[in-house]
Amino acid sequence: DGWLLKFELAGLQFEDISILVSGPTLTVRGIRRDRMAEQGFCQYSMEISYSRFERTIQLPCNIDGAAIGVDYRNGILLVHVSI
């Protein structure tokens, strides 16, 4: 019993991601950094936003103490919640 949560986080480093659990809530936070920006370079249009983000998922039961497995490959974060 449990859930598999998938997050598309292209362009992030794993160390820039954190996962928090509180009651029935799982929160994924992170920061997408622009590692290619050059000093004095101006953007006209940009498809990718660089900043902090937070996504909160409300699950149907308390998951404090649940087994949480994390896998991050090719910009996809998989969070396995086993109750």
PDB file of N, CA and C in Angstrom:
ATOM      1  N   ASP A   1       0.846  -1.187   0.000  1.00  0.00           N
ATOM      2  CA  ASP A   1       0.000   0.000   0.000  1.00  0.00           C
ATOM      3  C   ASP A   1       0.880   1.236   0.000  1.00  0.00           C
ATOM      4  N   GLY A   2       0.481   2.218  -0.762  1.00  0.00           N
ATOM      5  CA  GLY A   2       1.219   3.465  -0.808  1.00  0.00           C
ATOM      6  C   GLY A   2       0.979   4.206  -2.102  1.00  0.00           C
ATOM      7  N   TRP A   3       1.882   5.127  -2.410  1.00  0.00           N
ATOM      8  CA  TRP A   3       1.749   5.977  -3.583  1.00  0.00           C
ATOM      9  C   TRP A   3       3.101   6.155  -4.260  1.00  0.00           C
ATOM     10  N   LEU A   4       3.047   6.417  -5.545  1.00  0.00           N
ATOM     11  CA  LEU A   4       4.218   6.819  -6.317  1.00  0.00           C
ATOM     12  C   LEU A   4       3.920   8.212  -6.849  1.00  0.00           C
ATOM     13  N   LEU A   5       4.719   9.191  -6.420  1.00  0.00           N
ATOM     14  CA  LEU A   5       4.553  10.576  -6.852  1.00  0.00           C
ATOM     15  C   LEU A   5       5.666  10.911  -7.834  1.00  0.00           C
ATOM     16  N   LYS A   6       5.309  11.515  -8.965  1.00  0.00           N
ATOM     17  CA  LYS A   6       6.293  11.876  -9.986  1.00  0.00           C
ATOM     18  C   LYS A   6       6.310  13.386 -10.156  1.00  0.00           C
ATOM     19  N   PHE A   7       7.526  13.942 -10.190  1.00  0.00           N
ATOM     20  CA  PHE A   7       7.717  15.375 -10.385  1.00  0.00           C
ATOM     21  C   PHE A   7       8.707  15.579 -11.527  1.00  0.00           C
ATOM     22  N   GLU A   8       8.366  16.415 -12.474  1.00  0.00           N
ATOM     23  CA  GLU A   8       9.254  16.751 -13.583  1.00  0.00           C
ATOM     24  C   GLU A   8      10.062  17.966 -13.144  1.00  0.00           C
ATOM     25  N   LEU A   9      11.363  17.770 -12.928  1.00  0.00           N
ATOM     26  CA  LEU A   9      12.230  18.819 -12.397  1.00  0.00           C
ATOM     27  C   LEU A   9      13.480  18.985 -13.257  1.00  0.00           C
ATOM     28  N   ALA A  10      13.286  19.094 -14.532  1.00  0.00           N
ATOM     29  CA  ALA A  10      14.418  19.207 -15.461  1.00  0.00           C
ATOM     30  C   ALA A  10      15.314  20.382 -15.104  1.00  0.00           C
ATOM     31  N   GLY A  11      16.596  20.141 -15.202  1.00  0.00           N
ATOM     32  CA  GLY A  11      17.571  21.203 -14.982  1.00  0.00           C
ATOM     33  C   GLY A  11      17.980  21.395 -13.536  1.00  0.00           C
ATOM     34  N   LEU A  12      17.444  20.612 -12.609  1.00  0.00           N
ATOM     35  CA  LEU A  12      17.813  20.734 -11.206  1.00  0.00           C
ATOM     36  C   LEU A  12      18.869  19.712 -10.838  1.00  0.00           C
ATOM     37  N   GLN A  13      19.690  20.085  -9.888  1.00  0.00           N
ATOM     38  CA  GLN A  13      20.637  19.149  -9.283  1.00  0.00           C
ATOM     39  C   GLN A  13      19.935  18.525  -8.083  1.00  0.00           C
ATOM     40  N   PHE A  14      20.205  17.259  -7.787  1.00  0.00           N
ATOM     41  CA  PHE A  14      19.533  16.581  -6.688  1.00  0.00           C
ATOM     42  C   PHE A  14      19.740  17.311  -5.358  1.00  0.00           C
ATOM     43  N   GLU A  15      20.935  17.887  -5.164  1.00  0.00           N
ATOM     44  CA  GLU A  15      21.217  18.583  -3.905  1.00  0.00           C
ATOM     45  C   GLU A  15      20.408  19.871  -3.734  1.00  0.00           C
ATOM     46  N   ASP A  16      19.752  20.335  -4.788  1.00  0.00           N
ATOM     47  CA  ASP A  16      18.907  21.533  -4.712  1.00  0.00           C
ATOM     48  C   ASP A  16      17.442  21.201  -4.417  1.00  0.00           C
ATOM     49  N   ILE A  17      17.149  19.931  -4.089  1.00  0.00           N
ATOM     50  CA  ILE A  17      15.781  19.476  -3.841  1.00  0.00           C
ATOM     51  C   ILE A  17      15.666  18.996  -2.399  1.00  0.00           C
ATOM     52  N   SER A  18      14.554  19.343  -1.729  1.00  0.00           N
ATOM     53  CA  SER A  18      14.283  18.792  -0.398  1.00  0.00           C
ATOM     54  C   SER A  18      12.847  18.298  -0.340  1.00  0.00           C
ATOM     55  N   ILE A  19      12.634  17.263   0.476  1.00  0.00           N
ATOM     56  CA  ILE A  19      11.317  16.649   0.634  1.00  0.00           C
ATOM     57  C   ILE A  19      10.971  16.675   2.116  1.00  0.00           C
ATOM     58  N   LEU A  20       9.792  17.222   2.428  1.00  0.00           N
ATOM     59  CA  LEU A  20       9.338  17.338   3.805  1.00  0.00           C
ATOM     60  C   LEU A  20       8.016  16.608   3.966  1.00  0.00           C
ATOM     61  N   VAL A  21       7.840  15.925   5.102  1.00  0.00           N
ATOM     62  CA  VAL A  21       6.598  15.209   5.395  1.00  0.00           C
ATOM     63  C   VAL A  21       6.047  15.740   6.706  1.00  0.00           C
ATOM     64  N   SER A  22       4.747  16.044   6.719  1.00  0.00           N
ATOM     65  CA  SER A  22       4.069  16.491   7.930  1.00  0.00           C
ATOM     66  C   SER A  22       2.616  16.038   7.864  1.00  0.00           C
ATOM     67  N   GLY A  23       2.272  15.069   8.720  1.00  0.00           N
ATOM     68  CA  GLY A  23       0.902  14.540   8.703  1.00  0.00           C
ATOM     69  C   GLY A  23       0.603  13.911   7.355  1.00  0.00           C
ATOM     70  N   PRO A  24      -0.483  14.338   6.714  1.00  0.00           N
ATOM     71  CA  PRO A  24      -0.838  13.789   5.402  1.00  0.00           C
ATOM     72  C   PRO A  24      -0.232  14.569   4.225  1.00  0.00           C
ATOM     73  N   THR A  25       0.698  15.485   4.523  1.00  0.00           N
ATOM     74  CA  THR A  25       1.225  16.394   3.505  1.00  0.00           C
ATOM     75  C   THR A  25       2.674  16.076   3.166  1.00  0.00           C
ATOM     76  N   LEU A  26       2.965  15.995   1.872  1.00  0.00           N
ATOM     77  CA  LEU A  26       4.330  15.838   1.390  1.00  0.00           C
ATOM     78  C   LEU A  26       4.653  17.074   0.552  1.00  0.00           C
ATOM     79  N   THR A  27       5.770  17.732   0.885  1.00  0.00           N
ATOM     80  CA  THR A  27       6.172  18.947   0.184  1.00  0.00           C
ATOM     81  C   THR A  27       7.530  18.740  -0.471  1.00  0.00           C
ATOM     82  N   VAL A  28       7.626  19.107  -1.733  1.00  0.00           N
ATOM     83  CA  VAL A  28       8.895  19.097  -2.465  1.00  0.00           C
ATOM     84  C   VAL A  28       9.275  20.555  -2.705  1.00  0.00           C
ATOM     85  N   ARG A  29      10.465  20.917  -2.239  1.00  0.00           N
ATOM     86  CA  ARG A  29      10.979  22.279  -2.420  1.00  0.00           C
ATOM     87  C   ARG A  29      12.299  22.208  -3.157  1.00  0.00           C
ATOM     88  N   GLY A  30      12.602  23.295  -3.833  1.00  0.00           N
ATOM     89  CA  GLY A  30      13.887  23.339  -4.512  1.00  0.00           C
ATOM     90  C   GLY A  30      14.162  24.690  -5.115  1.00  0.00           C
ATOM     91  N   ILE A  31      15.274  24.743  -5.796  1.00  0.00           N
ATOM     92  CA  ILE A  31      15.655  25.964  -6.503  1.00  0.00           C
ATOM     93  C   ILE A  31      16.284  25.569  -7.830  1.00  0.00           C
ATOM     94  N   ARG A  32      15.806  26.192  -8.878  1.00  0.00           N
ATOM     95  CA  ARG A  32      16.386  25.994 -10.212  1.00  0.00           C
ATOM     96  C   ARG A  32      17.321  27.171 -10.447  1.00  0.00           C
ATOM     97  N   ARG A  33      18.592  26.868 -10.550  1.00  0.00           N
ATOM     98  CA  ARG A  33      19.617  27.905 -10.727  1.00  0.00           C
ATOM     99  C   ARG A  33      19.996  28.022 -12.195  1.00  0.00           C
ATOM    100  N   ASP A  34      20.246  29.236 -12.621  1.00  0.00           N
ATOM    101  CA  ASP A  34      20.714  29.468 -13.989  1.00  0.00           C
ATOM    102  C   ASP A  34      22.230  29.397 -13.965  1.00  0.00           C
ATOM    103  N   ARG A  35      22.758  28.231 -14.259  1.00  0.00           N
ATOM    104  CA  ARG A  35      24.206  28.015 -14.217  1.00  0.00           C
ATOM    105  C   ARG A  35      24.900  28.495 -15.496  1.00  0.00           C
ATOM    106  N   MET A  36      24.105  28.908 -16.482  1.00  0.00           N
ATOM    107  CA  MET A  36      24.684  29.326 -17.754  1.00  0.00           C
ATOM    108  C   MET A  36      24.689  30.854 -17.913  1.00  0.00           C
ATOM    109  N   ALA A  37      24.168  31.582 -16.946  1.00  0.00           N
ATOM    110  CA  ALA A  37      24.072  33.040 -17.056  1.00  0.00           C
ATOM    111  C   ALA A  37      25.460  33.667 -17.110  1.00  0.00           C
ATOM    112  N   GLU A  38      25.582  34.642 -17.963  1.00  0.00           N
ATOM    113  CA  GLU A  38      26.846  35.359 -18.086  1.00  0.00           C
ATOM    114  C   GLU A  38      26.660  36.770 -17.555  1.00  0.00           C
ATOM    115  N   GLN A  39      27.705  37.316 -16.988  1.00  0.00           N
ATOM    116  CA  GLN A  39      27.662  38.666 -16.452  1.00  0.00           C
ATOM    117  C   GLN A  39      27.339  39.670 -17.557  1.00  0.00           C
ATOM    118  N   GLY A  40      26.373  40.543 -17.327  1.00  0.00           N
ATOM    119  CA  GLY A  40      26.016  41.569 -18.293  1.00  0.00           C
ATOM    120  C   GLY A  40      25.142  41.085 -19.436  1.00  0.00           C
ATOM    121  N   PHE A  41      24.710  39.834 -19.413  1.00  0.00           N
ATOM    122  CA  PHE A  41      23.892  39.257 -20.472  1.00  0.00           C
ATOM    123  C   PHE A  41      22.419  39.543 -20.185  1.00  0.00           C
ATOM    124  N   CYS A  42      21.677  40.045 -21.165  1.00  0.00           N
ATOM    125  CA  CYS A  42      20.254  40.358 -20.991  1.00  0.00           C
ATOM    126  C   CYS A  42      19.397  39.320 -21.705  1.00  0.00           C
ATOM    127  N   GLN A  43      18.239  38.988 -21.133  1.00  0.00           N
ATOM    128  CA  GLN A  43      17.304  38.044 -21.727  1.00  0.00           C
ATOM    129  C   GLN A  43      16.165  38.797 -22.402  1.00  0.00           C
ATOM    130  N   TYR A  44      15.789  38.375 -23.575  1.00  0.00           N
ATOM    131  CA  TYR A  44      14.612  38.918 -24.239  1.00  0.00           C
ATOM    132  C   TYR A  44      13.400  38.044 -23.952  1.00  0.00           C
ATOM    133  N   SER A  45      13.588  36.749 -24.062  1.00  0.00           N
ATOM    134  CA  SER A  45      12.525  35.793 -23.789  1.00  0.00           C
ATOM    135  C   SER A  45      13.160  34.527 -23.226  1.00  0.00           C
ATOM    136  N   MET A  46      12.480  33.933 -22.228  1.00  0.00           N
ATOM    137  CA  MET A  46      13.039  32.738 -21.607  1.00  0.00           C
ATOM    138  C   MET A  46      11.923  31.730 -21.357  1.00  0.00           C
ATOM    139  N   GLU A  47      12.116  30.482 -21.760  1.00  0.00           N
ATOM    140  CA  GLU A  47      11.138  29.422 -21.587  1.00  0.00           C
ATOM    141  C   GLU A  47      11.217  28.778 -20.208  1.00  0.00           C
ATOM    142  N   ILE A  48      12.383  28.853 -19.566  1.00  0.00           N
ATOM    143  CA  ILE A  48      12.602  28.187 -18.289  1.00  0.00           C
ATOM    144  C   ILE A  48      12.677  29.238 -17.196  1.00  0.00           C
ATOM    145  N   SER A  49      11.914  29.025 -16.120  1.00  0.00           N
ATOM    146  CA  SER A  49      11.989  29.966 -15.001  1.00  0.00           C
ATOM    147  C   SER A  49      13.043  29.473 -14.006  1.00  0.00           C
ATOM    148  N   TYR A  50      13.846  30.399 -13.530  1.00  0.00           N
ATOM    149  CA  TYR A  50      14.883  30.096 -12.555  1.00  0.00           C
ATOM    150  C   TYR A  50      14.510  30.781 -11.258  1.00  0.00           C
ATOM    151  N   SER A  51      14.199  29.999 -10.253  1.00  0.00           N
ATOM    152  CA  SER A  51      13.842  30.540  -8.948  1.00  0.00           C
ATOM    153  C   SER A  51      13.517  29.393  -8.005  1.00  0.00           C
ATOM    154  N   ARG A  52      13.067  29.737  -6.832  1.00  0.00           N
ATOM    155  CA  ARG A  52      12.625  28.743  -5.853  1.00  0.00           C
ATOM    156  C   ARG A  52      11.232  28.262  -6.226  1.00  0.00           C
ATOM    157  N   PHE A  53      10.927  27.027  -5.848  1.00  0.00           N
ATOM    158  CA  PHE A  53       9.593  26.496  -6.073  1.00  0.00           C
ATOM    159  C   PHE A  53       9.220  25.595  -4.910  1.00  0.00           C
ATOM    160  N   GLU A  54       7.926  25.349  -4.773  1.00  0.00           N
ATOM    161  CA  GLU A  54       7.416  24.451  -3.749  1.00  0.00           C
ATOM    162  C   GLU A  54       6.125  23.834  -4.254  1.00  0.00           C
ATOM    163  N   ARG A  55       6.012  22.522  -4.139  1.00  0.00           N
ATOM    164  CA  ARG A  55       4.795  21.799  -4.510  1.00  0.00           C
ATOM    165  C   ARG A  55       4.368  20.976  -3.305  1.00  0.00           C
ATOM    166  N   THR A  56       3.096  21.084  -2.925  1.00  0.00           N
ATOM    167  CA  THR A  56       2.576  20.358  -1.779  1.00  0.00           C
ATOM    168  C   THR A  56       1.483  19.408  -2.237  1.00  0.00           C
ATOM    169  N   ILE A  57       1.603  18.162  -1.809  1.00  0.00           N
ATOM    170  CA  ILE A  57       0.629  17.133  -2.145  1.00  0.00           C
ATOM    171  C   ILE A  57      -0.064  16.700  -0.852  1.00  0.00           C
ATOM    172  N   GLN A  58      -1.372  16.750  -0.849  1.00  0.00           N
ATOM    173  CA  GLN A  58      -2.172  16.304   0.298  1.00  0.00           C
ATOM    174  C   GLN A  58      -2.609  14.863   0.039  1.00  0.00           C
ATOM    175  N   LEU A  59      -2.129  13.924   0.846  1.00  0.00           N
ATOM    176  CA  LEU A  59      -2.495  12.522   0.701  1.00  0.00           C
ATOM    177  C   LEU A  59      -3.669  12.195   1.634  1.00  0.00           C
ATOM    178  N   PRO A  60      -4.391  11.104   1.387  1.00  0.00           N
ATOM    179  CA  PRO A  60      -5.611  10.826   2.139  1.00  0.00           C
ATOM    180  C   PRO A  60      -5.400  10.309   3.565  1.00  0.00           C
ATOM    181  N   CYS A  61      -4.147  10.104   3.986  1.00  0.00           N
ATOM    182  CA  CYS A  61      -3.913   9.664   5.362  1.00  0.00           C
ATOM    183  C   CYS A  61      -2.566  10.197   5.842  1.00  0.00           C
ATOM    184  N   ASN A  62      -2.339  10.093   7.144  1.00  0.00           N
ATOM    185  CA  ASN A  62      -1.106  10.545   7.759  1.00  0.00           C
ATOM    186  C   ASN A  62       0.067   9.696   7.250  1.00  0.00           C
ATOM    187  N   ILE A  63       1.138  10.343   6.809  1.00  0.00           N
ATOM    188  CA  ILE A  63       2.300   9.603   6.308  1.00  0.00           C
ATOM    189  C   ILE A  63       3.541   9.815   7.170  1.00  0.00           C
ATOM    190  N   ASP A  64       3.380  10.451   8.352  1.00  0.00           N
ATOM    191  CA  ASP A  64       4.506  10.523   9.293  1.00  0.00           C
ATOM    192  C   ASP A  64       4.916   9.096   9.624  1.00  0.00           C
ATOM    193  N   GLY A  65       6.153   8.767   9.536  1.00  0.00           N
ATOM    194  CA  GLY A  65       6.612   7.414   9.840  1.00  0.00           C
ATOM    195  C   GLY A  65       6.521   6.442   8.669  1.00  0.00           C
ATOM    196  N   ALA A  66       5.964   6.884   7.546  1.00  0.00           N
ATOM    197  CA  ALA A  66       5.918   6.030   6.353  1.00  0.00           C
ATOM    198  C   ALA A  66       7.326   5.908   5.772  1.00  0.00           C
ATOM    199  N   ALA A  67       7.580   4.828   5.080  1.00  0.00           N
ATOM    200  CA  ALA A  67       8.858   4.660   4.378  1.00  0.00           C
ATOM    201  C   ALA A  67       8.819   5.511   3.111  1.00  0.00           C
ATOM    202  N   ILE A  68       9.805   6.385   2.966  1.00  0.00           N
ATOM    203  CA  ILE A  68       9.887   7.273   1.802  1.00  0.00           C
ATOM    204  C   ILE A  68      11.122   6.875   0.996  1.00  0.00           C
ATOM    205  N   GLY A  69      10.917   6.495  -0.245  1.00  0.00           N
ATOM    206  CA  GLY A  69      12.016   6.189  -1.161  1.00  0.00           C
ATOM    207  C   GLY A  69      12.076   7.257  -2.234  1.00  0.00           C
ATOM    208  N   VAL A  70      13.282   7.664  -2.587  1.00  0.00           N
ATOM    209  CA  VAL A  70      13.465   8.740  -3.563  1.00  0.00           C
ATOM    210  C   VAL A  70      14.419   8.283  -4.654  1.00  0.00           C
ATOM    211  N   ASP A  71      14.047   8.569  -5.894  1.00  0.00           N
ATOM    212  CA  ASP A  71      14.900   8.277  -7.045  1.00  0.00           C
ATOM    213  C   ASP A  71      14.837   9.488  -7.969  1.00  0.00           C
ATOM    214  N   TYR A  72      15.992   9.988  -8.396  1.00  0.00           N
ATOM    215  CA  TYR A  72      16.034  11.150  -9.283  1.00  0.00           C
ATOM    216  C   TYR A  72      16.928  10.830 -10.473  1.00  0.00           C
ATOM    217  N   ARG A  73      16.311  10.766 -11.663  1.00  0.00           N
ATOM    218  CA  ARG A  73      17.062  10.469 -12.887  1.00  0.00           C
ATOM    219  C   ARG A  73      16.513  11.282 -14.040  1.00  0.00           C
ATOM    220  N   ASN A  74      17.406  11.858 -14.804  1.00  0.00           N
ATOM    221  CA  ASN A  74      17.049  12.567 -16.038  1.00  0.00           C
ATOM    222  C   ASN A  74      15.934  13.591 -15.832  1.00  0.00           C
ATOM    223  N   GLY A  75      15.986  14.313 -14.716  1.00  0.00           N
ATOM    224  CA  GLY A  75      15.009  15.365 -14.471  1.00  0.00           C
ATOM    225  C   GLY A  75      13.674  14.905 -13.921  1.00  0.00           C
ATOM    226  N   ILE A  76      13.537  13.627 -13.604  1.00  0.00           N
ATOM    227  CA  ILE A  76      12.294  13.101 -13.040  1.00  0.00           C
ATOM    228  C   ILE A  76      12.568  12.653 -11.605  1.00  0.00           C
ATOM    229  N   LEU A  77      11.803  13.215 -10.661  1.00  0.00           N
ATOM    230  CA  LEU A  77      11.892  12.824  -9.262  1.00  0.00           C
ATOM    231  C   LEU A  77      10.749  11.867  -8.962  1.00  0.00           C
ATOM    232  N   LEU A  78      11.080  10.666  -8.504  1.00  0.00           N
ATOM    233  CA  LEU A  78      10.096   9.680  -8.095  1.00  0.00           C
ATOM    234  C   LEU A  78      10.155   9.562  -6.577  1.00  0.00           C
ATOM    235  N   VAL A  79       9.005   9.737  -5.930  1.00  0.00           N
ATOM    236  CA  VAL A  79       8.913   9.603  -4.487  1.00  0.00           C
ATOM    237  C   VAL A  79       7.962   8.452  -4.198  1.00  0.00           C
ATOM    238  N   HIS A  80       8.479   7.396  -3.580  1.00  0.00           N
ATOM    239  CA  HIS A  80       7.683   6.213  -3.217  1.00  0.00           C
ATOM    240  C   HIS A  80       7.290   6.367  -1.747  1.00  0.00           C
ATOM    241  N   VAL A  81       6.015   6.413  -1.461  1.00  0.00           N
ATOM    242  CA  VAL A  81       5.523   6.488  -0.085  1.00  0.00           C
ATOM    243  C   VAL A  81       4.873   5.144   0.228  1.00  0.00           C
ATOM    244  N   SER A  82       5.458   4.416   1.173  1.00  0.00           N
ATOM    245  CA  SER A  82       4.928   3.093   1.564  1.00  0.00           C
ATOM    246  C   SER A  82       4.418   3.179   2.995  1.00  0.00           C
ATOM    247  N   ILE A  83       3.135   2.873   3.161  1.00  0.00           N
ATOM    248  CA  ILE A  83       2.553   2.942   4.509  1.00  0.00           C
ATOM    249  C   ILE A  83       2.409   1.550   5.101  1.00  0.00           C
TER     250      ILE A  83
END
